[in-house]
C-alpha atoms as a PDB file:
ATOM      1  CA  MET A   1     -16.199  -5.504  11.377  1.00  0.00           C
ATOM      2  CA  GLN A   2     -12.587  -4.459  10.955  1.00  0.00           C
ATOM      3  CA  ARG A   3     -11.720  -0.948   9.824  1.00  0.00           C
ATOM      4  CA  LEU A   4      -8.772   0.327   7.865  1.00  0.00           C
ATOM      5  CA  GLU A   5      -6.064   1.701  10.177  1.00  0.00           C
ATOM      6  CA  LEU A   6      -5.585   5.353   9.227  1.00  0.00           C
ATOM      7  CA  ASN A   7      -3.500   6.462  12.195  1.00  0.00           C
ATOM      8  CA  PRO A   8       0.294   6.296  11.826  1.00  0.00           C
ATOM      9  CA  ASN A   9       1.218   2.656  12.351  1.00  0.00           C
ATOM     10  CA  PHE A  10       4.765   2.323  10.981  1.00  0.00           C
ATOM     11  CA  THR A  11       7.465   1.067  13.312  1.00  0.00           C
ATOM     12  CA  ASP A  12      10.044   2.951  11.211  1.00  0.00           C
ATOM     13  CA  PRO A  13       8.499   5.085   8.452  1.00  0.00           C
ATOM     14  CA  ASP A  14      11.858   6.435   7.269  1.00  0.00           C
ATOM     15  CA  ALA A  15      13.236   2.913   6.807  1.00  0.00           C
ATOM     16  CA  PHE A  16      10.124   1.892   4.870  1.00  0.00           C
ATOM     17  CA  TYR A  17      10.399   4.930   2.604  1.00  0.00           C
ATOM     18  CA  ALA A  18      14.108   4.266   2.032  1.00  0.00           C
ATOM     19  CA  ALA A  19      13.431   0.612   1.160  1.00  0.00           C
ATOM     20  CA  LEU A  20      10.580   1.529  -1.184  1.00  0.00           C
ATOM     21  CA  THR A  21      12.559   4.191  -3.019  1.00  0.00           C
ATOM     22  CA  ALA A  22      15.582   1.869  -3.272  1.00  0.00           C
ATOM     23  CA  LEU A  23      13.325  -0.818  -4.754  1.00  0.00           C
ATOM     24  CA  HIS A  24      12.308   1.523  -7.582  1.00  0.00           C
ATOM     25  CA  ARG A  25      15.721   3.097  -8.189  1.00  0.00           C
ATOM     26  CA  ASP A  26      17.078   2.408 -11.683  1.00  0.00           C
ATOM     27  CA  ARG A  27      13.894   0.559 -12.723  1.00  0.00           C
ATOM     28  CA  SER A  28      11.898   1.313 -15.838  1.00  0.00           C
ATOM     29  CA  GLU A  29       8.389   2.700 -15.434  1.00  0.00           C
ATOM     30  CA  ALA A  30       6.910  -0.626 -16.556  1.00  0.00           C
ATOM     31  CA  GLU A  31       9.050  -2.583 -14.101  1.00  0.00           C
ATOM     32  CA  SER A  32       8.080  -0.221 -11.254  1.00  0.00           C
ATOM     33  CA  GLU A  33       4.409  -0.684 -12.138  1.00  0.00           C
ATOM     34  CA  ARG A  34       4.785  -4.489 -12.004  1.00  0.00           C
ATOM     35  CA  ILE A  35       6.574  -4.226  -8.649  1.00  0.00           C
ATOM     36  CA  ASN A  36       3.816  -1.975  -7.288  1.00  0.00           C
ATOM     37  CA  ALA A  37       1.141  -4.390  -8.480  1.00  0.00           C
ATOM     38  CA  ARG A  38       2.887  -7.336  -6.791  1.00  0.00           C
ATOM     39  CA  LEU A  39       3.373  -5.313  -3.600  1.00  0.00           C
ATOM     40  CA  ILE A  40      -0.312  -4.325  -3.545  1.00  0.00           C
ATOM     41  CA  LEU A  41      -1.384  -7.945  -3.976  1.00  0.00           C
ATOM     42  CA  LEU A  42       1.009  -9.173  -1.270  1.00  0.00           C
ATOM     43  CA  LEU A  43      -0.208  -6.560   1.206  1.00  0.00           C
ATOM     44  CA  ALA A  44      -3.868  -7.135   0.266  1.00  0.00           C
ATOM     45  CA  ASN A  45      -3.383 -10.841   0.907  1.00  0.00           C
ATOM     46  CA  HIS A  46      -1.853 -10.028   4.287  1.00  0.00           C
ATOM     47  CA  ILE A  47      -4.840  -7.817   5.192  1.00  0.00           C
ATOM     48  CA  GLY A  48      -7.285 -10.393   3.879  1.00  0.00           C
ATOM     49  CA  ASP A  49     -10.475  -8.689   5.068  1.00  0.00           C
ATOM     50  CA  GLN A  50     -12.648  -7.689   2.074  1.00  0.00           C
ATOM     51  CA  THR A  51     -14.308  -4.816   3.926  1.00  0.00           C
ATOM     52  CA  VAL A  52     -10.953  -3.292   4.852  1.00  0.00           C
ATOM     53  CA  LEU A  53      -9.672  -3.742   1.305  1.00  0.00           C
ATOM     54  CA  GLU A  54     -12.765  -2.067  -0.163  1.00  0.00           C
ATOM     55  CA  GLU A  55     -12.360   0.835   2.274  1.00  0.00           C
ATOM     56  CA  ALA A  56      -8.729   1.235   1.181  1.00  0.00           C
ATOM     57  CA  ILE A  57      -9.747   1.126  -2.491  1.00  0.00           C
ATOM     58  CA  SER A  58     -12.390   3.790  -1.902  1.00  0.00           C
ATOM     59  CA  LEU A  59      -9.951   6.056  -0.057  1.00  0.00           C
ATOM     60  CA  ALA A  60      -7.257   5.578  -2.695  1.00  0.00           C
ATOM     61  CA  ALA A  61      -9.755   6.567  -5.376  1.00  0.00           C
ATOM     62  CA  GLY A  62     -10.650   9.726  -3.463  1.00  0.00           C
ATOM     63  CA  GLY A  63     -14.050   8.446  -2.448  1.00  0.00           C
ATOM     64  CA  GLY A  64     -13.810   8.841   1.313  1.00  0.00           C
ATOM     65  CA  ASP A  65     -12.593  11.009   4.158  1.00  0.00           C
ATOM     66  CA  GLN A  66      -9.134  10.418   5.541  1.00  0.00           C
END
């Protein structure tokens, strides 16, 4: 069974943060929410494993240790 990777795993966290903040710059709240929803679905599709996705959902909801 796969587990959600909780250790730092970014190749360039600063570049990711810069890209993410640039994506949302000058967007309305509604547009940012749609972008976030699409991004979540794209990344969830990439992960693919239901157990890992459920673990991520639980952690995001505050239902597990990090």
